[in-house]
Amino acid sequence: MLLTKVDTRSLGETLEAQNTLIKLGIPVCNAFIRTYKAHERAALEGVAITQWRGKNAKEAESDYRRVAEELQRDWRK
């Protein structure tokens, strides 16, 4: 499971949710996707977050890269 639309002001709640899922035996990614206006603005401009430049663009892109790296590590196992 991948947690998305994570409020950057409530990261503690996100970690708590991840721990609860793990305790319930539900596989969950360590990485997650935070919510940024950058996502909306990139979509409105019709570009991927990796191509958009503006406030929080690098942070938004890095979230997706962390997820991709985690998935690739898991596939290699």
PDB file of N, CA and C in Angstrom:
ATOM      1  N   MET A   1       0.848  -1.162   0.000  1.00  0.00           N
ATOM      2  CA  MET A   1       0.000   0.000   0.000  1.00  0.00           C
ATOM      3  C   MET A   1       0.894   1.224   0.000  1.00  0.00           C
ATOM      4  N   LEU A   2       0.486   2.221  -0.728  1.00  0.00           N
ATOM      5  CA  LEU A   2       1.207   3.482  -0.799  1.00  0.00           C
ATOM      6  C   LEU A   2       0.307   4.588  -0.268  1.00  0.00           C
ATOM      7  N   LEU A   3       0.813   5.318   0.719  1.00  0.00           N
ATOM      8  CA  LEU A   3       0.059   6.445   1.258  1.00  0.00           C
ATOM      9  C   LEU A   3       0.327   7.668   0.391  1.00  0.00           C
ATOM     10  N   THR A   4      -0.753   8.311  -0.047  1.00  0.00           N
ATOM     11  CA  THR A   4      -0.646   9.488  -0.904  1.00  0.00           C
ATOM     12  C   THR A   4      -1.447  10.632  -0.287  1.00  0.00           C
ATOM     13  N   LYS A   5      -1.265  11.801  -0.848  1.00  0.00           N
ATOM     14  CA  LYS A   5      -1.938  13.010  -0.359  1.00  0.00           C
ATOM     15  C   LYS A   5      -1.658  13.241   1.125  1.00  0.00           C
ATOM     16  N   VAL A   6      -0.409  12.982   1.506  1.00  0.00           N
ATOM     17  CA  VAL A   6       0.010  13.138   2.893  1.00  0.00           C
ATOM     18  C   VAL A   6       0.200  14.623   3.194  1.00  0.00           C
ATOM     19  N   ASP A   7      -0.454  15.099   4.229  1.00  0.00           N
ATOM     20  CA  ASP A   7      -0.339  16.486   4.666  1.00  0.00           C
ATOM     21  C   ASP A   7       1.039  16.679   5.290  1.00  0.00           C
ATOM     22  N   THR A   8       1.802  17.602   4.755  1.00  0.00           N
ATOM     23  CA  THR A   8       3.159  17.826   5.249  1.00  0.00           C
ATOM     24  C   THR A   8       3.185  18.319   6.690  1.00  0.00           C
ATOM     25  N   ARG A   9       2.061  18.807   7.170  1.00  0.00           N
ATOM     26  CA  ARG A   9       1.987  19.277   8.558  1.00  0.00           C
ATOM     27  C   ARG A   9       1.663  18.152   9.532  1.00  0.00           C
ATOM     28  N   SER A  10       1.360  16.967   9.010  1.00  0.00           N
ATOM     29  CA  SER A  10       0.933  15.857   9.863  1.00  0.00           C
ATOM     30  C   SER A  10       1.728  14.577   9.574  1.00  0.00           C
ATOM     31  N   LEU A  11       3.027  14.707   9.468  1.00  0.00           N
ATOM     32  CA  LEU A  11       3.851  13.538   9.151  1.00  0.00           C
ATOM     33  C   LEU A  11       3.804  12.486  10.262  1.00  0.00           C
ATOM     34  N   GLY A  12       3.615  12.935  11.499  1.00  0.00           N
ATOM     35  CA  GLY A  12       3.485  11.991  12.616  1.00  0.00           C
ATOM     36  C   GLY A  12       2.303  11.058  12.428  1.00  0.00           C
ATOM     37  N   GLU A  13       1.196  11.587  11.939  1.00  0.00           N
ATOM     38  CA  GLU A  13       0.006  10.769  11.674  1.00  0.00           C
ATOM     39  C   GLU A  13       0.279   9.762  10.563  1.00  0.00           C
ATOM     40  N   THR A  14       1.066  10.165   9.592  1.00  0.00           N
ATOM     41  CA  THR A  14       1.410   9.270   8.495  1.00  0.00           C
ATOM     42  C   THR A  14       2.229   8.093   9.008  1.00  0.00           C
ATOM     43  N   LEU A  15       3.217   8.382   9.838  1.00  0.00           N
ATOM     44  CA  LEU A  15       4.043   7.316  10.400  1.00  0.00           C
ATOM     45  C   LEU A  15       3.211   6.395  11.287  1.00  0.00           C
ATOM     46  N   GLU A  16       2.281   6.970  12.005  1.00  0.00           N
ATOM     47  CA  GLU A  16       1.374   6.179  12.850  1.00  0.00           C
ATOM     48  C   GLU A  16       0.508   5.259  11.984  1.00  0.00           C
ATOM     49  N   ALA A  17       0.003   5.778  10.886  1.00  0.00           N
ATOM     50  CA  ALA A  17      -0.810   4.968   9.965  1.00  0.00           C
ATOM     51  C   ALA A  17       0.014   3.838   9.371  1.00  0.00           C
ATOM     52  N   GLN A  18       1.250   4.133   8.978  1.00  0.00           N
ATOM     53  CA  GLN A  18       2.124   3.092   8.432  1.00  0.00           C
ATOM     54  C   GLN A  18       2.349   1.991   9.466  1.00  0.00           C
ATOM     55  N   ASN A  19       2.637   2.379  10.702  1.00  0.00           N
ATOM     56  CA  ASN A  19       2.865   1.393  11.770  1.00  0.00           C
ATOM     57  C   ASN A  19       1.629   0.553  12.030  1.00  0.00           C
ATOM     58  N   THR A  20       0.458   1.167  12.002  1.00  0.00           N
ATOM     59  CA  THR A  20      -0.794   0.421  12.200  1.00  0.00           C
ATOM     60  C   THR A  20      -0.984  -0.602  11.093  1.00  0.00           C
ATOM     61  N   LEU A  21      -0.747  -0.200   9.853  1.00  0.00           N
ATOM     62  CA  LEU A  21      -0.884  -1.135   8.728  1.00  0.00           C
ATOM     63  C   LEU A  21       0.088  -2.301   8.871  1.00  0.00           C
ATOM     64  N   ILE A  22       1.317  -2.011   9.268  1.00  0.00           N
ATOM     65  CA  ILE A  22       2.313  -3.072   9.458  1.00  0.00           C
ATOM     66  C   ILE A  22       1.844  -4.040  10.535  1.00  0.00           C
ATOM     67  N   LYS A  23       1.335  -3.523  11.652  1.00  0.00           N
ATOM     68  CA  LYS A  23       0.845  -4.368  12.746  1.00  0.00           C
ATOM     69  C   LYS A  23      -0.313  -5.247  12.297  1.00  0.00           C
ATOM     70  N   LEU A  24      -1.100  -4.754  11.346  1.00  0.00           N
ATOM     71  CA  LEU A  24      -2.230  -5.524  10.824  1.00  0.00           C
ATOM     72  C   LEU A  24      -1.806  -6.505   9.729  1.00  0.00           C
ATOM     73  N   GLY A  25      -0.516  -6.510   9.411  1.00  0.00           N
ATOM     74  CA  GLY A  25      -0.010  -7.421   8.392  1.00  0.00           C
ATOM     75  C   GLY A  25      -0.245  -6.953   6.967  1.00  0.00           C
ATOM     76  N   ILE A  26      -0.532  -5.685   6.800  1.00  0.00           N
ATOM     77  CA  ILE A  26      -0.777  -5.133   5.470  1.00  0.00           C
ATOM     78  C   ILE A  26       0.527  -4.522   4.959  1.00  0.00           C
ATOM     79  N   PRO A  27       1.021  -5.001   3.823  1.00  0.00           N
ATOM     80  CA  PRO A  27       2.261  -4.432   3.284  1.00  0.00           C
ATOM     81  C   PRO A  27       2.068  -2.949   2.955  1.00  0.00           C
ATOM     82  N   VAL A  28       3.028  -2.147   3.362  1.00  0.00           N
ATOM     83  CA  VAL A  28       2.953  -0.704   3.127  1.00  0.00           C
ATOM     84  C   VAL A  28       4.342  -0.194   2.761  1.00  0.00           C
ATOM     85  N   CYS A  29       4.384   0.718   1.825  1.00  0.00           N
ATOM     86  CA  CYS A  29       5.652   1.332   1.432  1.00  0.00           C
ATOM     87  C   CYS A  29       6.164   2.222   2.561  1.00  0.00           C
ATOM     88  N   ASN A  30       7.473   2.276   2.703  1.00  0.00           N
ATOM     89  CA  ASN A  30       8.067   3.219   3.648  1.00  0.00           C
ATOM     90  C   ASN A  30       7.961   4.637   3.105  1.00  0.00           C
ATOM     91  N   ALA A  31       8.108   4.767   1.800  1.00  0.00           N
ATOM     92  CA  ALA A  31       7.985   6.080   1.152  1.00  0.00           C
ATOM     93  C   ALA A  31       6.505   6.447   1.026  1.00  0.00           C
ATOM     94  N   PHE A  32       6.247   7.725   0.883  1.00  0.00           N
ATOM     95  CA  PHE A  32       4.872   8.199   0.696  1.00  0.00           C
ATOM     96  C   PHE A  32       4.896   9.462  -0.145  1.00  0.00           C
ATOM     97  N   ILE A  33       3.742   9.845  -0.646  1.00  0.00           N
ATOM     98  CA  ILE A  33       3.621  11.017  -1.510  1.00  0.00           C
ATOM     99  C   ILE A  33       2.936  12.139  -0.734  1.00  0.00           C
ATOM    100  N   ARG A  34       3.674  13.216  -0.528  1.00  0.00           N
ATOM    101  CA  ARG A  34       3.108  14.373   0.170  1.00  0.00           C
ATOM    102  C   ARG A  34       2.296  15.222  -0.804  1.00  0.00           C
ATOM    103  N   THR A  35       1.353  15.970  -0.270  1.00  0.00           N
ATOM    104  CA  THR A  35       0.524  16.860  -1.088  1.00  0.00           C
ATOM    105  C   THR A  35       1.202  18.218  -1.207  1.00  0.00           C
ATOM    106  N   TYR A  36       1.360  18.652  -2.444  1.00  0.00           N
ATOM    107  CA  TYR A  36       1.907  19.978  -2.719  1.00  0.00           C
ATOM    108  C   TYR A  36       1.081  20.636  -3.804  1.00  0.00           C
ATOM    109  N   LYS A  37       1.018  21.948  -3.763  1.00  0.00           N
ATOM    110  CA  LYS A  37       0.375  22.697  -4.845  1.00  0.00           C
ATOM    111  C   LYS A  37       1.076  22.413  -6.167  1.00  0.00           C
ATOM    112  N   ALA A  38       2.335  22.045  -6.096  1.00  0.00           N
ATOM    113  CA  ALA A  38       3.113  21.740  -7.302  1.00  0.00           C
ATOM    114  C   ALA A  38       2.429  20.667  -8.135  1.00  0.00           C
ATOM    115  N   HIS A  39       1.798  19.688  -7.483  1.00  0.00           N
ATOM    116  CA  HIS A  39       1.096  18.633  -8.225  1.00  0.00           C
ATOM    117  C   HIS A  39      -0.041  19.231  -9.057  1.00  0.00           C
ATOM    118  N   GLU A  40      -0.825  20.089  -8.438  1.00  0.00           N
ATOM    119  CA  GLU A  40      -1.945  20.726  -9.144  1.00  0.00           C
ATOM    120  C   GLU A  40      -1.446  21.601 -10.284  1.00  0.00           C
ATOM    121  N   ARG A  41      -0.439  22.388  -9.995  1.00  0.00           N
ATOM    122  CA  ARG A  41       0.055  23.322 -11.010  1.00  0.00           C
ATOM    123  C   ARG A  41       0.681  22.598 -12.196  1.00  0.00           C
ATOM    124  N   ALA A  42       1.416  21.540 -11.928  1.00  0.00           N
ATOM    125  CA  ALA A  42       2.003  20.758 -13.023  1.00  0.00           C
ATOM    126  C   ALA A  42       0.898  20.157 -13.887  1.00  0.00           C
ATOM    127  N   ALA A  43      -0.134  19.626 -13.238  1.00  0.00           N
ATOM    128  CA  ALA A  43      -1.250  19.039 -13.990  1.00  0.00           C
ATOM    129  C   ALA A  43      -1.959  20.098 -14.828  1.00  0.00           C
ATOM    130  N   LEU A  44      -2.172  21.269 -14.252  1.00  0.00           N
ATOM    131  CA  LEU A  44      -2.830  22.345 -15.000  1.00  0.00           C
ATOM    132  C   LEU A  44      -2.017  22.786 -16.219  1.00  0.00           C
ATOM    133  N   GLU A  45      -0.699  22.689 -16.094  1.00  0.00           N
ATOM    134  CA  GLU A  45       0.166  23.055 -17.216  1.00  0.00           C
ATOM    135  C   GLU A  45       0.392  21.877 -18.167  1.00  0.00           C
ATOM    136  N   GLY A  46      -0.130  20.713 -17.783  1.00  0.00           N
ATOM    137  CA  GLY A  46      -0.018  19.542 -18.654  1.00  0.00           C
ATOM    138  C   GLY A  46       1.366  18.930 -18.696  1.00  0.00           C
ATOM    139  N   VAL A  47       2.112  19.072 -17.593  1.00  0.00           N
ATOM    140  CA  VAL A  47       3.448  18.479 -17.546  1.00  0.00           C
ATOM    141  C   VAL A  47       3.568  17.571 -16.320  1.00  0.00           C
ATOM    142  N   ALA A  48       4.501  16.635 -16.421  1.00  0.00           N
ATOM    143  CA  ALA A  48       4.785  15.763 -15.283  1.00  0.00           C
ATOM    144  C   ALA A  48       5.477  16.575 -14.196  1.00  0.00           C
ATOM    145  N   ILE A  49       5.368  16.114 -12.966  1.00  0.00           N
ATOM    146  CA  ILE A  49       5.998  16.823 -11.852  1.00  0.00           C
ATOM    147  C   ILE A  49       7.512  16.894 -12.044  1.00  0.00           C
ATOM    148  N   THR A  50       8.080  15.936 -12.761  1.00  0.00           N
ATOM    149  CA  THR A  50       9.520  15.940 -13.021  1.00  0.00           C
ATOM    150  C   THR A  50       9.929  17.053 -13.982  1.00  0.00           C
ATOM    151  N   GLN A  51       8.968  17.597 -14.728  1.00  0.00           N
ATOM    152  CA  GLN A  51       9.258  18.665 -15.694  1.00  0.00           C
ATOM    153  C   GLN A  51       8.853  20.044 -15.188  1.00  0.00           C
ATOM    154  N   TRP A  52       8.029  20.088 -14.162  1.00  0.00           N
ATOM    155  CA  TRP A  52       7.524  21.360 -13.656  1.00  0.00           C
ATOM    156  C   TRP A  52       8.581  22.030 -12.795  1.00  0.00           C
ATOM    157  N   ARG A  53       8.690  23.327 -12.887  1.00  0.00           N
ATOM    158  CA  ARG A  53       9.629  24.094 -12.079  1.00  0.00           C
ATOM    159  C   ARG A  53       8.845  25.124 -11.280  1.00  0.00           C
ATOM    160  N   GLY A  54       9.087  25.137 -10.011  1.00  0.00           N
ATOM    161  CA  GLY A  54       8.399  26.078  -9.145  1.00  0.00           C
ATOM    162  C   GLY A  54       8.546  25.629  -7.709  1.00  0.00           C
ATOM    163  N   LYS A  55       7.848  26.302  -6.821  1.00  0.00           N
ATOM    164  CA  LYS A  55       7.925  26.010  -5.387  1.00  0.00           C
ATOM    165  C   LYS A  55       7.556  24.557  -5.106  1.00  0.00           C
ATOM    166  N   ASN A  56       8.379  23.875  -4.360  1.00  0.00           N
ATOM    167  CA  ASN A  56       8.204  22.484  -3.926  1.00  0.00           C
ATOM    168  C   ASN A  56       8.267  21.464  -5.062  1.00  0.00           C
ATOM    169  N   ALA A  57       8.686  21.881  -6.238  1.00  0.00           N
ATOM    170  CA  ALA A  57       8.783  20.934  -7.359  1.00  0.00           C
ATOM    171  C   ALA A  57       9.785  19.829  -7.048  1.00  0.00           C
ATOM    172  N   LYS A  58      10.924  20.189  -6.491  1.00  0.00           N
ATOM    173  CA  LYS A  58      11.957  19.189  -6.197  1.00  0.00           C
ATOM    174  C   LYS A  58      11.490  18.217  -5.114  1.00  0.00           C
ATOM    175  N   GLU A  59      10.808  18.729  -4.099  1.00  0.00           N
ATOM    176  CA  GLU A  59      10.307  17.863  -3.032  1.00  0.00           C
ATOM    177  C   GLU A  59       9.263  16.892  -3.574  1.00  0.00           C
ATOM    178  N   ALA A  60       8.355  17.410  -4.398  1.00  0.00           N
ATOM    179  CA  ALA A  60       7.309  16.564  -4.971  1.00  0.00           C
ATOM    180  C   ALA A  60       7.922  15.484  -5.857  1.00  0.00           C
ATOM    181  N   GLU A  61       8.888  15.863  -6.666  1.00  0.00           N
ATOM    182  CA  GLU A  61       9.556  14.888  -7.525  1.00  0.00           C
ATOM    183  C   GLU A  61      10.294  13.848  -6.697  1.00  0.00           C
ATOM    184  N   SER A  62      10.958  14.283  -5.637  1.00  0.00           N
ATOM    185  CA  SER A  62      11.737  13.338  -4.824  1.00  0.00           C
ATOM    186  C   SER A  62      10.845  12.304  -4.147  1.00  0.00           C
ATOM    187  N   ASP A  63       9.609  12.665  -3.806  1.00  0.00           N
ATOM    188  CA  ASP A  63       8.685  11.683  -3.229  1.00  0.00           C
ATOM    189  C   ASP A  63       8.452  10.532  -4.205  1.00  0.00           C
ATOM    190  N   TYR A  64       8.195  10.867  -5.464  1.00  0.00           N
ATOM    191  CA  TYR A  64       7.955   9.831  -6.469  1.00  0.00           C
ATOM    192  C   TYR A  64       9.214   9.011  -6.721  1.00  0.00           C
ATOM    193  N   ARG A  65      10.358   9.656  -6.702  1.00  0.00           N
ATOM    194  CA  ARG A  65      11.609   8.920  -6.907  1.00  0.00           C
ATOM    195  C   ARG A  65      11.860   7.936  -5.767  1.00  0.00           C
ATOM    196  N   ARG A  66      11.565   8.339  -4.525  1.00  0.00           N
ATOM    197  CA  ARG A  66      11.735   7.429  -3.381  1.00  0.00           C
ATOM    198  C   ARG A  66      10.827   6.212  -3.509  1.00  0.00           C
ATOM    199  N   VAL A  67       9.597   6.441  -3.936  1.00  0.00           N
ATOM    200  CA  VAL A  67       8.666   5.327  -4.129  1.00  0.00           C
ATOM    201  C   VAL A  67       9.199   4.393  -5.214  1.00  0.00           C
ATOM    202  N   ALA A  68       9.642   4.954  -6.336  1.00  0.00           N
ATOM    203  CA  ALA A  68      10.165   4.141  -7.440  1.00  0.00           C
ATOM    204  C   ALA A  68      11.379   3.329  -6.993  1.00  0.00           C
ATOM    205  N   GLU A  69      12.284   3.953  -6.249  1.00  0.00           N
ATOM    206  CA  GLU A  69      13.475   3.246  -5.757  1.00  0.00           C
ATOM    207  C   GLU A  69      13.092   2.115  -4.816  1.00  0.00           C
ATOM    208  N   GLU A  70      12.119   2.360  -3.951  1.00  0.00           N
ATOM    209  CA  GLU A  70      11.674   1.325  -3.015  1.00  0.00           C
ATOM    210  C   GLU A  70      11.062   0.145  -3.776  1.00  0.00           C
ATOM    211  N   LEU A  71      10.235   0.440  -4.754  1.00  0.00           N
ATOM    212  CA  LEU A  71       9.621  -0.631  -5.548  1.00  0.00           C
ATOM    213  C   LEU A  71      10.671  -1.432  -6.308  1.00  0.00           C
ATOM    214  N   GLN A  72      11.653  -0.763  -6.860  1.00  0.00           N
ATOM    215  CA  GLN A  72      12.709  -1.457  -7.580  1.00  0.00           C
ATOM    216  C   GLN A  72      13.508  -2.359  -6.655  1.00  0.00           C
ATOM    217  N   ARG A  73      13.802  -1.889  -5.431  1.00  0.00           N
ATOM    218  CA  ARG A  73      14.512  -2.731  -4.456  1.00  0.00           C
ATOM    219  C   ARG A  73      13.694  -3.968  -4.134  1.00  0.00           C
ATOM    220  N   ASP A  74      12.382  -3.801  -3.934  1.00  0.00           N
ATOM    221  CA  ASP A  74      11.524  -4.930  -3.583  1.00  0.00           C
ATOM    222  C   ASP A  74      11.418  -5.935  -4.728  1.00  0.00           C
ATOM    223  N   TRP A  75      11.395  -5.465  -5.970  1.00  0.00           N
ATOM    224  CA  TRP A  75      11.301  -6.364  -7.125  1.00  0.00           C
ATOM    225  C   TRP A  75      12.554  -7.190  -7.288  1.00  0.00           C
ATOM    226  N   ARG A  76      13.693  -6.639  -6.877  1.00  0.00           N
ATOM    227  CA  ARG A  76      14.962  -7.348  -7.024  1.00  0.00           C
ATOM    228  C   ARG A  76      15.121  -8.486  -6.023  1.00  0.00           C
ATOM    229  N   LYS A  77      14.339  -8.466  -4.969  1.00  0.00           N
ATOM    230  CA  LYS A  77      14.455  -9.505  -3.926  1.00  0.00           C
ATOM    231  C   LYS A  77      13.958 -10.835  -4.392  1.00  0.00           C
TER     232      LYS A  77
END
